[in-house]
Amino acid sequence: MKTYNKIITGLCILSIIGCGVYVEKKYADRDTKAPQINFEKDSITKSVKAKTKELLQGVNAKDDVDGNVTDSVLVENIIKKENTKNEFDISYIAFDKAGNCGEAKRTLKYEDYYGPRFAIKQPLRFPLNAVSGISELAQAYDCFDADLTPYILVEGMDKITSLDAKEGSYECTFKVKNSVGDISELPVSIELYNSDSEELLVPQIILSDYAVYVPKGENFNYKEYIKNIQDSGTTLYVDDGNMVEVTDASTKTKSLVTEAVAEGREGNWINISEINFETDLDENVPGKYTGTYSYESSKTGLKGKTTIYIIVE
């Protein structure tokens, strides 16, 4: 009986030793090395509209055991580099069959990237206590087609929405941040007026945009943003003096006339010379500038002014 027990004990010990050796060998043979990701180029230039397939161009991955695992490569994230205009770190990951994950990153330059921008579609001029929300003042967007309007902060908003607000101009600043952490700011002046005063009679110069972005060195044409002038209930259209050549069908003669005449536009017209434009703009120096349109009504003698914000990038 004792001999039998010894045999059983010995077999158990041998079994345990065998299992240990097996486990150790299997562990030693286990694939623990991650795939290696390689790039044809350490930097790529793409559009912000580029699809994932384009961002994977020139990327391959190899594994010591599984060989080519390029099909497993994914874009992990894209993070903007600090203190750069359009450079990002783009990170990639790749997997082998054992589940090991390899990582690598390179530089991505978005050729058409720009940070958050503001759109102002109406004059920043309101009756007292009439401004109730940011969306009435401005909208915001970026090159990724993101609507950033809900994230706009307005420094000084409390002053213009206060029940104690008085007539006058208030200096405010629009601020917004986009998904990659870029922050844009735009100082503006918001005017409040008493709707019971003669301010209602002041002519309004209506523009297509009240905040415009101009590439550095590009000419800014103030005329193209004028839509019309509202003067005592009358809409005045502006003949900007642009001349075009037209041919008289009956006489076959050619002559130069203004675009308004050539197109046969009907309505009340004034010449561009009746609108004054002043600005501190320097198209060759990036920065934020203002321009002021002014027009004096021939009916009331009152002068209306409108501000446009010009951002040179």
Protein backbone atom coordinates (compact mmCIF):
# COMPACT_ATOMS: atom_id res chain seq x y z
CA MET A 1 0.00 0.00 0.00
CA LYS A 2 2.84 2.32 0.88
CA THR A 3 4.54 1.47 -2.40
CA TYR A 4 1.35 2.24 -4.28
CA ASN A 5 1.07 5.64 -2.61
CA LYS A 6 4.63 6.41 -3.49
CA ILE A 7 4.00 5.54 -7.12
CA ILE A 8 0.92 7.77 -7.23
CA THR A 9 2.81 10.60 -5.57
CA GLY A 10 5.66 10.25 -8.02
CA LEU A 11 3.31 10.31 -11.01
CA CYS A 12 1.65 13.46 -9.68
CA ILE A 13 5.00 15.16 -9.26
CA LEU A 14 6.03 14.19 -12.78
CA SER A 15 2.71 15.45 -14.13
CA ILE A 16 3.13 18.78 -12.39
CA ILE A 17 6.68 19.11 -13.68
CA GLY A 18 5.50 18.22 -17.19
CA CYS A 19 2.73 20.78 -17.10
CA GLY A 20 5.15 23.42 -15.86
CA VAL A 21 7.57 22.67 -18.67
CA TYR A 22 4.72 22.79 -21.22
CA VAL A 23 3.38 26.10 -19.92
CA GLU A 24 6.87 27.59 -19.80
CA LYS A 25 7.60 26.51 -23.37
CA LYS A 26 4.25 27.77 -24.61
CA TYR A 27 4.82 31.10 -22.87
CA ALA A 28 8.31 31.31 -24.33
CA ASP A 29 6.87 30.70 -27.81
CA ARG A 30 4.07 33.27 -27.38
CA ASP A 31 4.05 36.21 -29.84
CA THR A 32 4.50 39.38 -27.77
CA LYS A 33 6.17 41.65 -30.30
CA ALA A 34 4.07 44.43 -31.86
CA PRO A 35 4.02 45.13 -35.61
CA GLN A 36 6.33 47.83 -36.95
CA ILE A 37 4.69 50.74 -38.79
CA ASN A 38 6.72 52.46 -41.52
CA PHE A 39 6.09 55.55 -43.68
CA GLU A 40 7.19 56.37 -47.21
CA LYS A 41 7.28 60.01 -46.05
CA ASP A 42 7.45 61.42 -42.54
CA SER A 43 5.18 64.31 -43.55
CA ILE A 44 2.11 64.47 -45.79
CA THR A 45 0.02 67.39 -47.08
CA LYS A 46 -3.72 66.90 -47.52
CA SER A 47 -7.01 68.77 -47.62
CA VAL A 48 -9.19 68.92 -44.52
CA LYS A 49 -11.74 67.05 -46.66
CA ALA A 50 -9.35 64.09 -47.12
CA LYS A 51 -10.86 60.68 -46.39
CA THR A 52 -9.20 58.07 -44.17
CA LYS A 53 -8.02 56.16 -47.24
CA GLU A 54 -5.97 59.19 -48.31
CA LEU A 55 -4.45 59.57 -44.86
CA LEU A 56 -3.30 55.94 -45.01
CA GLN A 57 -1.37 56.43 -48.25
CA GLY A 58 2.31 55.58 -47.89
CA VAL A 59 1.77 53.62 -44.66
CA ASN A 60 2.72 49.95 -44.25
CA ALA A 61 3.08 47.59 -41.31
CA LYS A 62 5.07 44.36 -40.87
CA ASP A 63 5.08 41.77 -38.13
CA ASP A 64 7.83 39.26 -37.28
CA VAL A 65 5.33 36.39 -37.17
CA ASP A 66 2.43 37.42 -39.41
CA GLY A 67 4.38 39.29 -42.06
CA ASN A 68 2.52 42.09 -43.88
CA VAL A 69 -0.29 43.45 -41.66
CA THR A 70 -0.81 46.75 -43.51
CA ASP A 71 -4.53 45.99 -43.84
CA SER A 72 -4.85 46.31 -40.06
CA VAL A 73 -3.54 49.90 -39.92
CA LEU A 74 -5.96 52.48 -38.52
CA VAL A 75 -5.80 56.22 -37.87
CA GLU A 76 -5.90 56.55 -34.10
CA ASN A 77 -6.10 60.34 -33.70
CA ILE A 78 -5.13 63.69 -35.20
CA ILE A 79 -3.86 66.35 -32.80
CA LYS A 80 -2.85 69.90 -33.72
CA LYS A 81 0.72 70.86 -32.95
CA GLU A 82 1.13 73.85 -30.65
CA ASN A 83 2.28 77.15 -32.13
CA THR A 84 1.71 76.06 -35.73
CA LYS A 85 -0.76 77.28 -38.30
CA ASN A 86 -1.71 74.04 -40.04
CA GLU A 87 0.47 71.19 -38.74
CA PHE A 88 -0.94 68.15 -36.94
CA ASP A 89 0.42 64.92 -35.42
CA ILE A 90 -1.42 62.01 -37.02
CA SER A 91 -1.09 58.74 -35.06
CA TYR A 92 -1.51 55.26 -36.53
CA ILE A 93 -1.95 51.82 -34.94
CA ALA A 94 -1.57 48.31 -36.40
CA PHE A 95 -2.42 44.85 -35.02
CA ASP A 96 -1.10 41.34 -35.50
CA LYS A 97 -3.08 38.09 -35.07
CA ALA A 98 -1.90 37.77 -31.45
CA GLY A 99 -3.49 41.13 -30.65
CA ASN A 100 -0.24 43.08 -30.28
CA CYS A 101 -0.60 46.76 -31.16
CA GLY A 102 2.08 48.84 -32.86
CA GLU A 103 1.99 52.67 -32.86
CA ALA A 104 3.66 55.41 -34.90
CA LYS A 105 2.99 59.01 -35.90
CA ARG A 106 3.99 61.51 -38.56
CA THR A 107 3.24 65.12 -39.49
CA LEU A 108 0.05 66.00 -41.35
CA LYS A 109 -0.21 69.43 -42.97
CA TYR A 110 -3.71 70.56 -43.87
CA GLU A 111 -3.19 72.84 -46.85
CA ASP A 112 -6.60 74.49 -46.51
CA TYR A 113 -6.90 74.61 -42.73
CA TYR A 114 -8.15 77.70 -40.97
CA GLY A 115 -9.29 78.20 -37.41
CA PRO A 116 -12.74 79.26 -36.21
CA ARG A 117 -14.34 82.16 -38.08
CA PHE A 118 -17.26 84.40 -37.27
CA ALA A 119 -20.13 85.29 -39.58
CA ILE A 120 -22.08 88.48 -38.88
CA LYS A 121 -25.11 88.88 -41.14
CA GLN A 122 -26.71 92.00 -39.69
CA PRO A 123 -25.59 95.33 -38.27
CA LEU A 124 -24.66 95.09 -34.61
CA ARG A 125 -27.20 97.77 -33.83
CA PHE A 126 -30.27 96.98 -31.70
CA PRO A 127 -33.09 98.71 -29.84
CA LEU A 128 -32.65 98.76 -26.08
CA ASN A 129 -33.37 95.39 -24.41
CA ALA A 130 -33.86 93.67 -27.77
CA VAL A 131 -30.80 91.40 -27.75
CA SER A 132 -31.70 88.07 -26.21
CA GLY A 133 -29.16 85.58 -27.56
CA ILE A 134 -25.73 85.13 -29.06
CA SER A 135 -27.14 83.75 -32.33
CA GLU A 136 -28.67 87.17 -32.95
CA LEU A 137 -25.19 88.67 -32.93
CA ALA A 138 -23.03 86.17 -34.80
CA GLN A 139 -22.48 82.63 -35.95
CA ALA A 140 -19.23 80.67 -35.97
CA TYR A 141 -17.84 77.87 -38.12
CA ASP A 142 -14.52 76.29 -39.13
CA CYS A 143 -12.92 74.48 -42.06
CA PHE A 144 -14.33 71.16 -40.87
CA ASP A 145 -17.88 72.50 -41.49
CA ALA A 146 -18.61 72.44 -37.79
CA ASP A 147 -21.29 74.77 -36.44
CA LEU A 148 -19.56 76.44 -33.51
CA THR A 149 -22.30 78.98 -32.81
CA PRO A 150 -23.49 77.29 -29.58
CA TYR A 151 -19.96 77.61 -28.20
CA ILE A 152 -19.50 81.35 -28.73
CA LEU A 153 -18.75 83.35 -25.62
CA VAL A 154 -19.33 87.10 -25.62
CA GLU A 155 -17.32 89.14 -23.16
CA GLY A 156 -19.45 92.14 -22.22
CA MET A 157 -22.76 90.45 -23.11
CA ASP A 158 -24.13 91.16 -19.65
CA LYS A 159 -23.88 94.89 -20.26
CA ILE A 160 -25.99 94.93 -23.41
CA THR A 161 -28.66 92.53 -22.12
CA SER A 162 -29.07 94.28 -18.78
CA LEU A 163 -32.42 95.90 -18.09
CA ASP A 164 -30.40 98.93 -17.01
CA ALA A 165 -28.61 99.21 -20.35
CA LYS A 166 -28.60 102.69 -21.88
CA GLU A 167 -28.18 104.05 -25.39
CA GLY A 168 -24.66 103.96 -26.72
CA SER A 169 -21.89 101.71 -28.00
CA TYR A 170 -20.57 98.77 -26.02
CA GLU A 171 -17.22 97.12 -26.66
CA CYS A 172 -17.52 93.34 -26.64
CA THR A 173 -15.39 90.39 -27.73
CA PHE A 174 -16.59 87.24 -29.45
CA LYS A 175 -14.63 84.11 -28.50
CA VAL A 176 -14.91 80.52 -29.71
CA LYS A 177 -12.80 77.32 -29.72
CA ASN A 178 -12.95 74.51 -32.27
CA SER A 179 -12.43 70.76 -31.89
CA VAL A 180 -8.64 70.94 -32.29
CA GLY A 181 -8.24 73.60 -29.64
CA ASP A 182 -7.77 76.72 -31.79
CA ILE A 183 -9.32 79.85 -30.29
CA SER A 184 -10.54 82.85 -32.27
CA GLU A 185 -11.42 86.24 -30.87
CA LEU A 186 -13.09 89.22 -32.55
CA PRO A 187 -13.50 92.58 -30.79
CA VAL A 188 -16.72 94.30 -31.89
CA SER A 189 -18.78 97.33 -31.02
CA ILE A 190 -22.49 96.79 -30.35
CA GLU A 191 -24.79 99.80 -30.51
CA LEU A 192 -28.01 100.16 -28.55
CA TYR A 193 -30.56 102.86 -29.39
CA ASN A 194 -33.89 104.08 -28.09
CA SER A 195 -36.62 102.94 -30.46
CA ASP A 196 -38.69 106.00 -29.54
CA SER A 197 -36.06 108.44 -30.79
CA GLU A 198 -35.21 109.77 -34.23
CA GLU A 199 -32.69 106.95 -34.52
CA LEU A 200 -35.41 105.05 -36.38
CA LEU A 201 -35.06 107.59 -39.19
CA VAL A 202 -31.32 107.15 -39.56
CA PRO A 203 -30.54 105.48 -42.95
CA GLN A 204 -29.30 101.92 -42.68
CA ILE A 205 -26.49 100.70 -44.91
CA ILE A 206 -27.16 96.99 -45.47
CA LEU A 207 -24.19 94.74 -46.25
CA SER A 208 -24.03 91.13 -47.39
CA ASP A 209 -21.46 90.40 -44.65
CA TYR A 210 -20.29 92.36 -41.63
CA ALA A 211 -17.23 90.19 -40.95
CA VAL A 212 -15.00 89.19 -43.86
CA TYR A 213 -11.77 87.20 -44.05
CA VAL A 214 -9.13 88.31 -46.54
CA PRO A 215 -5.92 86.42 -47.44
CA LYS A 216 -2.78 88.43 -46.79
CA GLY A 217 -1.87 90.55 -49.80
CA GLU A 218 -5.29 90.25 -51.48
CA ASN A 219 -7.16 93.40 -52.42
CA PHE A 220 -10.27 94.22 -50.39
CA ASN A 221 -13.08 95.73 -52.45
CA TYR A 222 -15.50 97.48 -50.10
CA LYS A 223 -18.05 98.03 -52.87
CA GLU A 224 -18.91 94.37 -53.35
CA TYR A 225 -20.37 94.02 -49.84
CA ILE A 226 -23.00 96.77 -50.21
CA LYS A 227 -26.50 95.37 -50.77
CA ASN A 228 -28.67 98.47 -50.42
CA ILE A 229 -29.59 101.41 -48.22
CA GLN A 230 -32.82 101.69 -46.28
CA ASP A 231 -33.79 105.35 -46.11
CA SER A 232 -37.14 106.40 -44.62
CA GLY A 233 -38.93 103.36 -45.94
CA THR A 234 -37.25 103.47 -49.35
CA THR A 235 -34.76 100.91 -50.62
CA LEU A 236 -31.87 102.51 -52.47
CA TYR A 237 -29.62 100.41 -54.67
CA VAL A 238 -26.03 101.41 -55.32
CA ASP A 239 -24.55 101.82 -58.78
CA ASP A 240 -20.89 101.03 -58.10
CA GLY A 241 -19.74 102.55 -61.39
CA ASN A 242 -18.64 99.28 -63.01
CA MET A 243 -18.89 99.69 -66.77
CA VAL A 244 -19.72 97.00 -69.31
CA GLU A 245 -19.85 97.04 -73.09
CA VAL A 246 -23.26 96.59 -74.73
CA THR A 247 -24.35 96.47 -78.36
CA ASP A 248 -27.46 98.22 -79.63
CA ALA A 249 -29.39 95.60 -81.63
CA SER A 250 -30.83 98.13 -84.11
CA THR A 251 -27.72 100.17 -84.87
CA LYS A 252 -25.07 97.54 -84.09
CA THR A 253 -23.13 100.22 -82.22
CA LYS A 254 -21.27 99.49 -79.02
CA SER A 255 -21.20 101.65 -75.94
CA LEU A 256 -20.11 101.54 -72.30
CA VAL A 257 -22.83 101.73 -69.66
CA THR A 258 -23.06 100.82 -66.00
CA GLU A 259 -24.01 97.29 -65.06
CA ALA A 260 -27.28 98.53 -63.59
CA VAL A 261 -28.30 100.07 -66.92
CA ALA A 262 -27.12 97.08 -68.93
CA GLU A 263 -29.18 94.68 -66.85
CA GLY A 264 -32.24 96.93 -66.89
CA ARG A 265 -32.54 96.86 -63.13
CA GLU A 266 -35.48 98.81 -61.81
CA GLY A 267 -35.56 100.70 -58.55
CA ASN A 268 -34.17 103.75 -56.82
CA TRP A 269 -30.49 104.20 -57.53
CA ILE A 270 -27.70 106.24 -56.02
CA ASN A 271 -24.10 106.50 -57.13
CA ILE A 272 -21.32 104.84 -55.19
CA SER A 273 -19.76 108.28 -54.69
CA GLU A 274 -22.57 109.08 -52.23
CA ILE A 275 -21.25 106.43 -49.85
CA ASN A 276 -18.09 107.20 -47.93
CA PHE A 277 -15.77 104.41 -46.78
CA GLU A 278 -12.97 104.76 -44.25
CA THR A 279 -10.69 102.05 -42.88
CA ASP A 280 -7.39 101.41 -41.12
CA LEU A 281 -6.89 98.28 -43.25
CA ASP A 282 -3.44 97.10 -44.36
CA GLU A 283 -3.93 94.06 -46.61
CA ASN A 284 -0.26 93.11 -46.25
CA VAL A 285 -0.28 92.78 -42.47
CA PRO A 286 -2.32 90.00 -40.81
CA GLY A 287 -4.64 91.32 -38.15
CA LYS A 288 -8.13 92.58 -37.32
CA TYR A 289 -9.33 95.84 -38.87
CA THR A 290 -12.53 97.84 -39.15
CA GLY A 291 -14.11 99.74 -42.00
CA THR A 292 -16.90 102.31 -41.75
CA TYR A 293 -19.51 102.99 -44.42
CA SER A 294 -21.42 106.26 -44.09
CA TYR A 295 -24.29 107.82 -46.03
CA GLU A 296 -26.21 111.06 -45.52
CA SER A 297 -29.89 110.98 -46.40
CA SER A 298 -31.05 113.56 -48.93
CA LYS A 299 -34.51 113.33 -47.35
CA THR A 300 -33.78 113.83 -43.67
CA GLY A 301 -30.19 115.03 -43.56
CA LEU A 302 -29.43 112.29 -41.07
CA LYS A 303 -26.25 110.27 -41.50
CA GLY A 304 -26.13 106.50 -41.14
CA LYS A 305 -23.04 104.45 -40.45
CA THR A 306 -22.25 100.75 -40.63
CA THR A 307 -19.12 98.91 -39.50
CA ILE A 308 -17.51 95.99 -41.28
CA TYR A 309 -14.86 93.84 -39.57
CA ILE A 310 -11.99 92.80 -41.83
CA ILE A 311 -9.68 89.98 -40.74
CA VAL A 312 -6.47 89.64 -42.77
CA GLU A 313 -5.03 86.12 -42.50
